[in-house]
Amino acid sequence: MIKCSSFKKNKIRNADSIERKIKKNQEFKHLNKSERFEFGVRIWGTFYRKNLHRFANDYFGIKLKAFQKILLFTMGHTVNFIYLASRRQGKTWLTGVFCAIMATLYPGIKIIIASGTKEQGIQVLKKIEELQLNSSNLRREIKHLTTSSNNPYAIWHSGSTITAVASTDSARGQMAHIIIYDEYRMIKKHIIDTVLKKFRGSERMPKFYDKEKYINYPKERNKQVFLSSAYYKSHWMWEHLCGYLNNMLDDTKRYFCCGLPYQLSIKEGLLSKEQVLDDMSEEDFSQIVWSINISVLFKPIEPVCLRGVSLT
């Protein structure tokens, strides 16, 4: 389980400290110019793969809020991730940032965005399209991007790809290292189990694995990311969430799940408090519809206890 302390206690805070660390390294002092460049790439690559939120800021120039930094950091360190968000938290935008980072830092990686409809997945690609307008570095990384409903995808110069697919039985035959289930409450459980999860094949295989000395080198785990707004406890996603919570409490497993309510959206300036109060004051206001659209699933109607941990 990723603890908050892991996020807060990282001693490397900025680019200057990394540069100082490289220059003080005894190995670095005896390298020629080309070897020093390769050494620096190795150090920086490792640093940014462990700190996706810093890569977003330093390389893409994307400013993140505190909760977005923590979510990106956790997405990078886990292989099974659930994020339940109230409306107006920028879930689709953050997914686009995550996809762009992974496609850049991991050459040749294949990312598939699965959703109830293909149009939902295309929204993530559209967010990437918008992000590149304000980031020259991101524009340089992207070789081609299309949001056409017939074949929505993005391809990086490094060989990485991001593809949006509809969650139907006809989607078979795809392969991915990262599967993102966008608004997964709208996806049928048997489609996830029998079609989408089967996309995860072999791990990413960089070319250095062809060398004999790297035959036993550890491979990266494939990831799956579940994103959604809340829904009824009678839906299959409730039991799925409880299973993730149990696994997250086991420090030997790389699971994470969280739910962030509308109060956070208001605090971060993403949602108008006045608009929320107006909606709640209307005569046809429905508490159930409100809970589904703006609250989170982590507030069950009755107390529920999992392994001694109360969710209420």
C-alpha atoms as a PDB file:
ATOM      1  CA  MET A   1       0.000   0.000   0.000  1.00  0.00           C
ATOM      2  CA  ILE A   2       1.291   3.487  -0.853  1.00  0.00           C
ATOM      3  CA  LYS A   3       1.330   5.594   2.305  1.00  0.00           C
ATOM      4  CA  CYS A   4       1.122   9.382   2.379  1.00  0.00           C
ATOM      5  CA  SER A   5       4.501   9.446   4.105  1.00  0.00           C
ATOM      6  CA  SER A   6       6.060   7.941   0.989  1.00  0.00           C
ATOM      7  CA  PHE A   7       4.831  10.981  -0.921  1.00  0.00           C
ATOM      8  CA  LYS A   8       5.839  13.583   1.662  1.00  0.00           C
ATOM      9  CA  LYS A   9       9.260  12.290   2.681  1.00  0.00           C
ATOM     10  CA  ASN A  10      10.830  12.112  -0.756  1.00  0.00           C
ATOM     11  CA  LYS A  11      14.130  13.910  -0.176  1.00  0.00           C
ATOM     12  CA  ILE A  12      14.640  14.958  -3.786  1.00  0.00           C
ATOM     13  CA  ARG A  13      12.625  18.128  -4.165  1.00  0.00           C
ATOM     14  CA  ASN A  14      13.802  19.832  -7.339  1.00  0.00           C
ATOM     15  CA  ALA A  15      15.999  19.690 -10.421  1.00  0.00           C
ATOM     16  CA  ASP A  16      19.005  21.316  -8.705  1.00  0.00           C
ATOM     17  CA  SER A  17      19.265  18.554  -6.116  1.00  0.00           C
ATOM     18  CA  ILE A  18      19.246  15.910  -8.864  1.00  0.00           C
ATOM     19  CA  GLU A  19      22.034  17.695 -10.715  1.00  0.00           C
ATOM     20  CA  ARG A  20      24.107  17.885  -7.545  1.00  0.00           C
ATOM     21  CA  LYS A  21      23.570  14.197  -6.921  1.00  0.00           C
ATOM     22  CA  ILE A  22      24.787  13.319 -10.427  1.00  0.00           C
ATOM     23  CA  LYS A  23      27.894  15.503 -10.244  1.00  0.00           C
ATOM     24  CA  LYS A  24      28.928  14.099  -6.855  1.00  0.00           C
ATOM     25  CA  ASN A  25      28.674  10.527  -8.128  1.00  0.00           C
ATOM     26  CA  GLN A  26      32.161   9.010  -8.386  1.00  0.00           C
ATOM     27  CA  GLU A  27      31.215   6.976 -11.459  1.00  0.00           C
ATOM     28  CA  PHE A  28      30.063  10.121 -13.277  1.00  0.00           C
ATOM     29  CA  LYS A  29      33.449  11.868 -12.859  1.00  0.00           C
ATOM     30  CA  HIS A  30      35.284   9.244 -14.944  1.00  0.00           C
ATOM     31  CA  LEU A  31      32.895   9.163 -17.916  1.00  0.00           C
ATOM     32  CA  ASN A  32      33.295  10.836 -21.299  1.00  0.00           C
ATOM     33  CA  LYS A  33      30.677  13.212 -22.715  1.00  0.00           C
ATOM     34  CA  SER A  34      28.551  10.522 -24.375  1.00  0.00           C
ATOM     35  CA  GLU A  35      28.673   8.274 -21.312  1.00  0.00           C
ATOM     36  CA  ARG A  36      27.746  11.180 -19.058  1.00  0.00           C
ATOM     37  CA  PHE A  37      24.690  11.847 -21.213  1.00  0.00           C
ATOM     38  CA  GLU A  38      23.579   8.206 -20.914  1.00  0.00           C
ATOM     39  CA  PHE A  39      24.230   8.281 -17.170  1.00  0.00           C
ATOM     40  CA  GLY A  40      22.098  11.404 -16.784  1.00  0.00           C
ATOM     41  CA  VAL A  41      19.268   9.884 -18.825  1.00  0.00           C
ATOM     42  CA  ARG A  42      19.301   6.846 -16.555  1.00  0.00           C
ATOM     43  CA  ILE A  43      19.166   8.958 -13.385  1.00  0.00           C
ATOM     44  CA  TRP A  44      16.486  11.344 -14.659  1.00  0.00           C
ATOM     45  CA  GLY A  45      14.433   8.542 -16.219  1.00  0.00           C
ATOM     46  CA  THR A  46      14.343   6.670 -12.918  1.00  0.00           C
ATOM     47  CA  PHE A  47      13.486   9.817 -10.978  1.00  0.00           C
ATOM     48  CA  TYR A  48      10.588  10.828 -13.209  1.00  0.00           C
ATOM     49  CA  ARG A  49       9.168   7.304 -13.463  1.00  0.00           C
ATOM     50  CA  LYS A  50       8.898   7.374  -9.684  1.00  0.00           C
ATOM     51  CA  ASN A  51       7.468  10.912  -9.671  1.00  0.00           C
ATOM     52  CA  LEU A  52       4.956  11.264 -12.501  1.00  0.00           C
ATOM     53  CA  HIS A  53       3.558  14.463 -11.009  1.00  0.00           C
ATOM     54  CA  ARG A  54       6.968  16.162 -11.217  1.00  0.00           C
ATOM     55  CA  PHE A  55       7.411  15.076 -14.830  1.00  0.00           C
ATOM     56  CA  ALA A  56       4.060  16.681 -15.671  1.00  0.00           C
ATOM     57  CA  ASN A  57       5.265  19.973 -14.228  1.00  0.00           C
ATOM     58  CA  ASP A  58       8.938  19.942 -15.276  1.00  0.00           C
ATOM     59  CA  TYR A  59       8.625  18.608 -18.828  1.00  0.00           C
ATOM     60  CA  PHE A  60       5.059  19.286 -19.944  1.00  0.00           C
ATOM     61  CA  GLY A  61       4.617  22.477 -17.931  1.00  0.00           C
ATOM     62  CA  ILE A  62       1.312  21.249 -16.491  1.00  0.00           C
ATOM     63  CA  LYS A  63       0.327  22.759 -13.159  1.00  0.00           C
ATOM     64  CA  LEU A  64      -1.347  20.277 -10.821  1.00  0.00           C
ATOM     65  CA  LYS A  65      -3.354  20.637  -7.646  1.00  0.00           C
ATOM     66  CA  ALA A  66      -2.240  18.781  -4.513  1.00  0.00           C
ATOM     67  CA  PHE A  67      -4.774  15.936  -4.826  1.00  0.00           C
ATOM     68  CA  GLN A  68      -3.891  15.493  -8.516  1.00  0.00           C
ATOM     69  CA  LYS A  69      -0.204  15.149  -7.631  1.00  0.00           C
ATOM     70  CA  ILE A  70      -0.993  12.461  -5.079  1.00  0.00           C
ATOM     71  CA  LEU A  71      -3.234  10.565  -7.516  1.00  0.00           C
ATOM     72  CA  LEU A  72      -0.584  10.637 -10.267  1.00  0.00           C
ATOM     73  CA  PHE A  73       2.115   9.562  -7.822  1.00  0.00           C
ATOM     74  CA  THR A  74      -0.041   6.636  -6.700  1.00  0.00           C
ATOM     75  CA  MET A  75      -0.989   5.642 -10.243  1.00  0.00           C
ATOM     76  CA  GLY A  76       2.703   5.336 -10.988  1.00  0.00           C
ATOM     77  CA  HIS A  77       3.462   3.140  -7.984  1.00  0.00           C
ATOM     78  CA  THR A  78       0.507   0.724  -8.111  1.00  0.00           C
ATOM     79  CA  VAL A  79      -0.691  -1.767 -10.712  1.00  0.00           C
ATOM     80  CA  ASN A  80      -4.378  -1.930  -9.681  1.00  0.00           C
ATOM     81  CA  PHE A  81      -6.012   1.449  -9.134  1.00  0.00           C
ATOM     82  CA  ILE A  82      -9.553   2.704  -8.492  1.00  0.00           C
ATOM     83  CA  TYR A  83     -10.539   6.360  -8.364  1.00  0.00           C
ATOM     84  CA  LEU A  84     -14.155   7.285  -7.660  1.00  0.00           C
ATOM     85  CA  ALA A  85     -14.680  10.972  -8.273  1.00  0.00           C
ATOM     86  CA  SER A  86     -17.535  13.371  -7.874  1.00  0.00           C
ATOM     87  CA  ARG A  87     -18.361  15.510 -10.869  1.00  0.00           C
ATOM     88  CA  ARG A  88     -16.121  18.451 -11.759  1.00  0.00           C
ATOM     89  CA  GLN A  89     -12.902  16.941 -10.404  1.00  0.00           C
ATOM     90  CA  GLY A  90     -11.270  16.774 -13.831  1.00  0.00           C
ATOM     91  CA  LYS A  91     -11.113  12.977 -13.929  1.00  0.00           C
ATOM     92  CA  THR A  92     -10.949  12.805 -17.723  1.00  0.00           C
ATOM     93  CA  TRP A  93      -8.318  15.578 -17.855  1.00  0.00           C
ATOM     94  CA  LEU A  94      -6.142  13.818 -15.266  1.00  0.00           C
ATOM     95  CA  THR A  95      -6.481  10.568 -17.210  1.00  0.00           C
ATOM     96  CA  GLY A  96      -5.190  12.365 -20.298  1.00  0.00           C
ATOM     97  CA  VAL A  97      -2.206  13.682 -18.333  1.00  0.00           C
ATOM     98  CA  PHE A  98      -1.447  10.183 -17.012  1.00  0.00           C
ATOM     99  CA  CYS A  99      -1.625   8.627 -20.484  1.00  0.00           C
ATOM    100  CA  ALA A 100       0.649  11.303 -21.981  1.00  0.00           C
ATOM    101  CA  ILE A 101       3.226  10.822 -19.209  1.00  0.00           C
ATOM    102  CA  MET A 102       3.292   7.031 -19.481  1.00  0.00           C
ATOM    103  CA  ALA A 103       3.523   7.137 -23.285  1.00  0.00           C
ATOM    104  CA  THR A 104       6.516   9.477 -23.009  1.00  0.00           C
ATOM    105  CA  LEU A 105       8.426   7.818 -20.167  1.00  0.00           C
ATOM    106  CA  TYR A 106       7.883   4.241 -21.354  1.00  0.00           C
ATOM    107  CA  PRO A 107       8.727   3.916 -25.082  1.00  0.00           C
ATOM    108  CA  GLY A 108       6.643   1.353 -26.910  1.00  0.00           C
ATOM    109  CA  ILE A 109       3.984   1.106 -24.224  1.00  0.00           C
ATOM    110  CA  LYS A 110       0.446   0.311 -25.365  1.00  0.00           C
ATOM    111  CA  ILE A 111      -2.440   2.009 -23.547  1.00  0.00           C
ATOM    112  CA  ILE A 112      -6.096   1.177 -24.172  1.00  0.00           C
ATOM    113  CA  ILE A 113      -8.965   3.326 -22.909  1.00  0.00           C
ATOM    114  CA  ALA A 114     -12.105   1.197 -22.597  1.00  0.00           C
ATOM    115  CA  SER A 115     -15.462   2.784 -21.854  1.00  0.00           C
ATOM    116  CA  GLY A 116     -19.172   2.130 -22.204  1.00  0.00           C
ATOM    117  CA  THR A 117     -19.119   3.962 -25.523  1.00  0.00           C
ATOM    118  CA  LYS A 118     -16.196   4.782 -27.778  1.00  0.00           C
ATOM    119  CA  GLU A 119     -17.100   8.474 -27.563  1.00  0.00           C
ATOM    120  CA  GLN A 120     -16.375   8.418 -23.817  1.00  0.00           C
ATOM    121  CA  GLY A 121     -12.855   7.138 -24.498  1.00  0.00           C
ATOM    122  CA  ILE A 122     -12.353   9.713 -27.252  1.00  0.00           C
ATOM    123  CA  GLN A 123     -12.801  12.437 -24.626  1.00  0.00           C
ATOM    124  CA  VAL A 124      -9.471  11.415 -23.080  1.00  0.00           C
ATOM    125  CA  LEU A 125      -7.727  11.780 -26.438  1.00  0.00           C
ATOM    126  CA  LYS A 126      -9.360  15.183 -26.856  1.00  0.00           C
ATOM    127  CA  LYS A 127      -7.909  16.235 -23.498  1.00  0.00           C
ATOM    128  CA  ILE A 128      -4.437  15.227 -24.729  1.00  0.00           C
ATOM    129  CA  GLU A 129      -5.108  17.211 -27.894  1.00  0.00           C
ATOM    130  CA  GLU A 130      -5.895  20.249 -25.737  1.00  0.00           C
ATOM    131  CA  LEU A 131      -2.875  19.715 -23.483  1.00  0.00           C
ATOM    132  CA  GLN A 132      -0.437  19.810 -26.390  1.00  0.00           C
ATOM    133  CA  LEU A 133      -1.635  23.275 -27.383  1.00  0.00           C
ATOM    134  CA  ASN A 134       0.116  24.681 -24.305  1.00  0.00           C
ATOM    135  CA  SER A 135       3.058  22.292 -24.183  1.00  0.00           C
ATOM    136  CA  SER A 136       5.671  22.357 -26.937  1.00  0.00           C
ATOM    137  CA  ASN A 137       7.410  19.330 -25.410  1.00  0.00           C
ATOM    138  CA  LEU A 138       4.214  17.282 -25.562  1.00  0.00           C
ATOM    139  CA  ARG A 139       3.671  18.341 -29.178  1.00  0.00           C
ATOM    140  CA  ARG A 140       7.165  17.094 -30.044  1.00  0.00           C
ATOM    141  CA  GLU A 141       6.457  13.710 -28.482  1.00  0.00           C
ATOM    142  CA  ILE A 142       3.242  13.060 -30.443  1.00  0.00           C
ATOM    143  CA  LYS A 143       3.655  11.724 -33.957  1.00  0.00           C
ATOM    144  CA  HIS A 144      -0.030  11.509 -34.845  1.00  0.00           C
ATOM    145  CA  LEU A 145      -3.312  11.935 -32.983  1.00  0.00           C
ATOM    146  CA  THR A 146      -6.835  11.504 -34.301  1.00  0.00           C
ATOM    147  CA  THR A 147     -10.154  11.705 -32.478  1.00  0.00           C
ATOM    148  CA  SER A 148     -12.140  10.264 -35.366  1.00  0.00           C
ATOM    149  CA  SER A 149     -14.945   8.008 -34.155  1.00  0.00           C
ATOM    150  CA  ASN A 150     -13.881   5.343 -36.660  1.00  0.00           C
ATOM    151  CA  ASN A 151     -10.343   4.877 -35.359  1.00  0.00           C
ATOM    152  CA  PRO A 152      -9.419   7.105 -32.395  1.00  0.00           C
ATOM    153  CA  TYR A 153      -5.769   6.753 -31.386  1.00  0.00           C
ATOM    154  CA  ALA A 154      -2.521   8.581 -30.675  1.00  0.00           C
ATOM    155  CA  ILE A 155       0.967   7.413 -31.547  1.00  0.00           C
ATOM    156  CA  TRP A 156       4.200   8.735 -30.053  1.00  0.00           C
ATOM    157  CA  HIS A 157       7.533   9.046 -31.852  1.00  0.00           C
ATOM    158  CA  SER A 158       8.835   6.556 -29.288  1.00  0.00           C
ATOM    159  CA  GLY A 159       6.390   3.921 -30.536  1.00  0.00           C
ATOM    160  CA  SER A 160       3.911   4.247 -27.671  1.00  0.00           C
ATOM    161  CA  THR A 161       0.223   4.158 -28.566  1.00  0.00           C
ATOM    162  CA  ILE A 162      -3.033   5.208 -26.904  1.00  0.00           C
ATOM    163  CA  THR A 163      -6.240   3.713 -28.339  1.00  0.00           C
ATOM    164  CA  ALA A 164      -9.892   4.218 -27.403  1.00  0.00           C
ATOM    165  CA  VAL A 165     -12.218   1.211 -27.765  1.00  0.00           C
ATOM    166  CA  ALA A 166     -15.855   0.521 -26.982  1.00  0.00           C
ATOM    167  CA  SER A 167     -16.443  -2.090 -24.297  1.00  0.00           C
ATOM    168  CA  THR A 168     -18.212  -4.686 -26.406  1.00  0.00           C
ATOM    169  CA  ASP A 169     -17.656  -8.326 -27.224  1.00  0.00           C
ATOM    170  CA  SER A 170     -16.370  -7.315 -30.666  1.00  0.00           C
ATOM    171  CA  ALA A 171     -13.376  -5.524 -29.101  1.00  0.00           C
ATOM    172  CA  ARG A 172     -11.403  -8.767 -28.854  1.00  0.00           C
ATOM    173  CA  GLY A 173      -7.904  -9.057 -30.263  1.00  0.00           C
ATOM    174  CA  GLN A 174      -6.359  -5.952 -28.667  1.00  0.00           C
ATOM    175  CA  MET A 175      -3.180  -5.947 -26.564  1.00  0.00           C
ATOM    176  CA  ALA A 176      -2.264  -3.475 -23.852  1.00  0.00           C
ATOM    177  CA  HIS A 177       0.203  -2.849 -21.049  1.00  0.00           C
ATOM    178  CA  ILE A 178      -2.178  -0.387 -19.391  1.00  0.00           C
ATOM    179  CA  ILE A 179      -5.968  -0.675 -19.511  1.00  0.00           C
ATOM    180  CA  ILE A 180      -8.036   2.289 -18.365  1.00  0.00           C
ATOM    181  CA  TYR A 181     -11.687   1.531 -17.639  1.00  0.00           C
ATOM    182  CA  ASP A 182     -13.262   4.957 -17.972  1.00  0.00           C
ATOM    183  CA  GLU A 183     -16.643   5.358 -16.213  1.00  0.00           C
ATOM    184  CA  TYR A 184     -16.487   1.630 -15.567  1.00  0.00           C
ATOM    185  CA  ARG A 185     -19.859   1.458 -13.847  1.00  0.00           C
ATOM    186  CA  MET A 186     -21.322   1.618 -17.359  1.00  0.00           C
ATOM    187  CA  ILE A 187     -19.322  -1.425 -18.502  1.00  0.00           C
ATOM    188  CA  LYS A 188     -20.803  -4.892 -18.063  1.00  0.00           C
ATOM    189  CA  LYS A 189     -18.876  -7.078 -15.655  1.00  0.00           C
ATOM    190  CA  HIS A 190     -18.676 -10.061 -17.996  1.00  0.00           C
ATOM    191  CA  ILE A 191     -17.191  -7.834 -20.737  1.00  0.00           C
ATOM    192  CA  ILE A 192     -14.438  -6.728 -18.353  1.00  0.00           C
ATOM    193  CA  ASP A 193     -13.709 -10.308 -17.261  1.00  0.00           C
ATOM    194  CA  THR A 194     -13.946 -12.071 -20.617  1.00  0.00           C
ATOM    195  CA  VAL A 195     -12.787  -9.396 -23.080  1.00  0.00           C
ATOM    196  CA  LEU A 196     -11.018  -6.356 -21.641  1.00  0.00           C
ATOM    197  CA  LYS A 197      -8.850  -8.011 -18.990  1.00  0.00           C
ATOM    198  CA  LYS A 198      -7.616 -10.416 -21.650  1.00  0.00           C
ATOM    199  CA  PHE A 199      -5.947  -7.465 -23.386  1.00  0.00           C
ATOM    200  CA  ARG A 200      -3.178  -7.704 -20.805  1.00  0.00           C
ATOM    201  CA  GLY A 201      -0.644  -9.952 -22.461  1.00  0.00           C
ATOM    202  CA  SER A 202       3.097  -9.964 -22.014  1.00  0.00           C
ATOM    203  CA  GLU A 203       4.853  -7.106 -20.261  1.00  0.00           C
ATOM    204  CA  ARG A 204       6.538  -4.285 -22.169  1.00  0.00           C
ATOM    205  CA  MET A 205       9.724  -5.605 -23.799  1.00  0.00           C
ATOM    206  CA  PRO A 206      12.336  -2.888 -24.445  1.00  0.00           C
ATOM    207  CA  LYS A 207      15.073  -3.934 -26.863  1.00  0.00           C
ATOM    208  CA  PHE A 208      17.703  -4.314 -24.141  1.00  0.00           C
ATOM    209  CA  TYR A 209      15.926  -7.515 -23.070  1.00  0.00           C
ATOM    210  CA  ASP A 210      17.417  -9.108 -26.190  1.00  0.00           C
ATOM    211  CA  LYS A 211      20.852  -8.941 -24.575  1.00  0.00           C
ATOM    212  CA  GLU A 212      21.876 -12.044 -22.699  1.00  0.00           C
ATOM    213  CA  LYS A 213      22.834 -10.208 -19.508  1.00  0.00           C
ATOM    214  CA  TYR A 214      19.258  -8.899 -19.154  1.00  0.00           C
ATOM    215  CA  ILE A 215      17.476 -12.248 -19.596  1.00  0.00           C
ATOM    216  CA  ASN A 216      16.505 -12.358 -15.910  1.00  0.00           C
ATOM    217  CA  TYR A 217      16.026  -8.612 -15.528  1.00  0.00           C
ATOM    218  CA  PRO A 218      12.690  -7.848 -13.728  1.00  0.00           C
ATOM    219  CA  LYS A 219       9.847  -6.841 -16.043  1.00  0.00           C
ATOM    220  CA  GLU A 220       7.319  -4.100 -15.405  1.00  0.00           C
ATOM    221  CA  ARG A 221       3.886  -5.145 -14.245  1.00  0.00           C
ATOM    222  CA  ASN A 222       0.962  -4.302 -16.489  1.00  0.00           C
ATOM    223  CA  LYS A 223      -1.524  -1.845 -15.000  1.00  0.00           C
ATOM    224  CA  GLN A 224      -5.278  -1.496 -14.856  1.00  0.00           C
ATOM    225  CA  VAL A 225      -6.977   1.747 -13.827  1.00  0.00           C
ATOM    226  CA  PHE A 226     -10.679   1.929 -12.924  1.00  0.00           C
ATOM    227  CA  LEU A 227     -12.302   5.382 -13.006  1.00  0.00           C
ATOM    228  CA  SER A 228     -15.919   6.227 -12.305  1.00  0.00           C
ATOM    229  CA  SER A 229     -18.467   8.349 -10.537  1.00  0.00           C
ATOM    230  CA  ALA A 230     -20.431   6.693  -7.741  1.00  0.00           C
ATOM    231  CA  TYR A 231     -23.399   4.375  -8.152  1.00  0.00           C
ATOM    232  CA  TYR A 232     -25.772   2.103  -6.225  1.00  0.00           C
ATOM    233  CA  LYS A 233     -24.377  -0.452  -3.773  1.00  0.00           C
ATOM    234  CA  SER A 234     -26.400  -3.100  -5.564  1.00  0.00           C
ATOM    235  CA  HIS A 235     -24.159  -2.631  -8.615  1.00  0.00           C
ATOM    236  CA  TRP A 236     -21.285  -5.077  -9.155  1.00  0.00           C
ATOM    237  CA  MET A 237     -18.730  -2.294  -8.682  1.00  0.00           C
ATOM    238  CA  TRP A 238     -19.438  -2.204  -4.911  1.00  0.00           C
ATOM    239  CA  GLU A 239     -18.122  -5.731  -4.316  1.00  0.00           C
ATOM    240  CA  HIS A 240     -15.271  -4.999  -6.711  1.00  0.00           C
ATOM    241  CA  LEU A 241     -14.364  -1.913  -4.676  1.00  0.00           C
ATOM    242  CA  CYS A 242     -14.488  -3.843  -1.396  1.00  0.00           C
ATOM    243  CA  GLY A 243     -12.112  -6.418  -2.849  1.00  0.00           C
ATOM    244  CA  TYR A 244      -9.683  -3.666  -3.832  1.00  0.00           C
ATOM    245  CA  LEU A 245      -9.895  -2.183  -0.342  1.00  0.00           C
ATOM    246  CA  ASN A 246      -9.003  -5.524   1.241  1.00  0.00           C
ATOM    247  CA  ASN A 247      -6.016  -5.897  -1.086  1.00  0.00           C
ATOM    248  CA  MET A 248      -4.902  -2.312  -0.434  1.00  0.00           C
ATOM    249  CA  LEU A 249      -4.684  -3.124   3.286  1.00  0.00           C
ATOM    250  CA  ASP A 250      -2.197  -5.856   2.414  1.00  0.00           C
ATOM    251  CA  ASP A 251       1.217  -4.185   2.124  1.00  0.00           C
ATOM    252  CA  THR A 252       2.500  -6.973  -0.130  1.00  0.00           C
ATOM    253  CA  LYS A 253       0.041  -6.046  -2.898  1.00  0.00           C
ATOM    254  CA  ARG A 254       0.133  -3.006  -5.154  1.00  0.00           C
ATOM    255  CA  TYR A 255      -3.526  -1.978  -4.916  1.00  0.00           C
ATOM    256  CA  PHE A 256      -5.058   1.420  -4.296  1.00  0.00           C
ATOM    257  CA  CYS A 257      -8.586   2.804  -4.160  1.00  0.00           C
ATOM    258  CA  CYS A 258     -10.028   6.143  -3.098  1.00  0.00           C
ATOM    259  CA  GLY A 259     -13.156   8.229  -3.357  1.00  0.00           C
ATOM    260  CA  LEU A 260     -13.069  12.029  -3.353  1.00  0.00           C
ATOM    261  CA  PRO A 261     -16.320  13.939  -2.641  1.00  0.00           C
ATOM    262  CA  TYR A 262     -17.693  17.216  -3.954  1.00  0.00           C
ATOM    263  CA  GLN A 263     -16.308  19.189  -0.989  1.00  0.00           C
ATOM    264  CA  LEU A 264     -12.828  18.741  -2.467  1.00  0.00           C
ATOM    265  CA  SER A 265     -14.010  20.110  -5.814  1.00  0.00           C
ATOM    266  CA  ILE A 266     -15.349  23.199  -4.048  1.00  0.00           C
ATOM    267  CA  LYS A 267     -12.155  23.680  -2.022  1.00  0.00           C
ATOM    268  CA  GLU A 268      -9.980  23.475  -5.136  1.00  0.00           C
ATOM    269  CA  GLY A 269     -12.170  25.933  -7.043  1.00  0.00           C
ATOM    270  CA  LEU A 270     -13.394  23.322  -9.530  1.00  0.00           C
ATOM    271  CA  LEU A 271     -17.017  23.539  -8.432  1.00  0.00           C
ATOM    272  CA  SER A 272     -19.107  26.544  -7.388  1.00  0.00           C
ATOM    273  CA  LYS A 273     -20.415  26.332  -3.828  1.00  0.00           C
ATOM    274  CA  GLU A 274     -23.288  28.664  -4.724  1.00  0.00           C
ATOM    275  CA  GLN A 275     -24.311  26.409  -7.613  1.00  0.00           C
ATOM    276  CA  VAL A 276     -24.306  23.383  -5.311  1.00  0.00           C
ATOM    277  CA  LEU A 277     -26.510  25.163  -2.775  1.00  0.00           C
ATOM    278  CA  ASP A 278     -28.896  26.265  -5.531  1.00  0.00           C
ATOM    279  CA  ASP A 279     -29.221  22.700  -6.827  1.00  0.00           C
ATOM    280  CA  MET A 280     -29.884  21.326  -3.344  1.00  0.00           C
ATOM    281  CA  SER A 281     -32.558  23.955  -2.643  1.00  0.00           C
ATOM    282  CA  GLU A 282     -34.703  23.069  -5.680  1.00  0.00           C
ATOM    283  CA  GLU A 283     -38.058  21.387  -4.940  1.00  0.00           C
ATOM    284  CA  ASP A 284     -37.397  18.417  -7.211  1.00  0.00           C
ATOM    285  CA  PHE A 285     -34.014  17.766  -5.575  1.00  0.00           C
ATOM    286  CA  SER A 286     -33.329  14.018  -5.265  1.00  0.00           C
ATOM    287  CA  GLN A 287     -30.914  12.839  -2.591  1.00  0.00           C
ATOM    288  CA  ILE A 288     -30.296   9.578  -4.475  1.00  0.00           C
ATOM    289  CA  VAL A 289     -29.484  11.276  -7.776  1.00  0.00           C
ATOM    290  CA  TRP A 290     -27.309  13.752  -5.881  1.00  0.00           C
ATOM    291  CA  SER A 291     -25.348  10.955  -4.185  1.00  0.00           C
ATOM    292  CA  ILE A 292     -24.724   9.242  -7.505  1.00  0.00           C
ATOM    293  CA  ASN A 293     -23.570  12.321  -9.370  1.00  0.00           C
ATOM    294  CA  ILE A 294     -21.773  14.386  -6.775  1.00  0.00           C
ATOM    295  CA  SER A 295     -20.955  12.197  -3.776  1.00  0.00           C
ATOM    296  CA  VAL A 296     -18.895   9.004  -3.623  1.00  0.00           C
ATOM    297  CA  LEU A 297     -19.515   5.332  -3.028  1.00  0.00           C
ATOM    298  CA  PHE A 298     -17.444   5.339   0.141  1.00  0.00           C
ATOM    299  CA  LYS A 299     -20.483   6.478   2.142  1.00  0.00           C
ATOM    300  CA  PRO A 300     -22.675   3.369   2.395  1.00  0.00           C
ATOM    301  CA  ILE A 301     -26.247   3.622   3.690  1.00  0.00           C
ATOM    302  CA  GLU A 302     -25.589   1.268   6.593  1.00  0.00           C
ATOM    303  CA  PRO A 303     -22.326   0.512   8.452  1.00  0.00           C
ATOM    304  CA  VAL A 304     -20.124  -1.980   6.662  1.00  0.00           C
ATOM    305  CA  CYS A 305     -17.018  -3.495   8.175  1.00  0.00           C
ATOM    306  CA  LEU A 306     -14.211  -5.132   6.198  1.00  0.00           C
ATOM    307  CA  ARG A 307     -11.504  -6.892   8.172  1.00  0.00           C
ATOM    308  CA  GLY A 308     -12.280  -4.714  11.169  1.00  0.00           C
ATOM    309  CA  VAL A 309     -12.077  -1.433   9.236  1.00  0.00           C
ATOM    310  CA  SER A 310     -15.277   0.602   9.321  1.00  0.00           C
ATOM    311  CA  LEU A 311     -16.189   2.446   6.139  1.00  0.00           C
ATOM    312  CA  THR A 312     -18.703   4.753   7.788  1.00  0.00           C
END
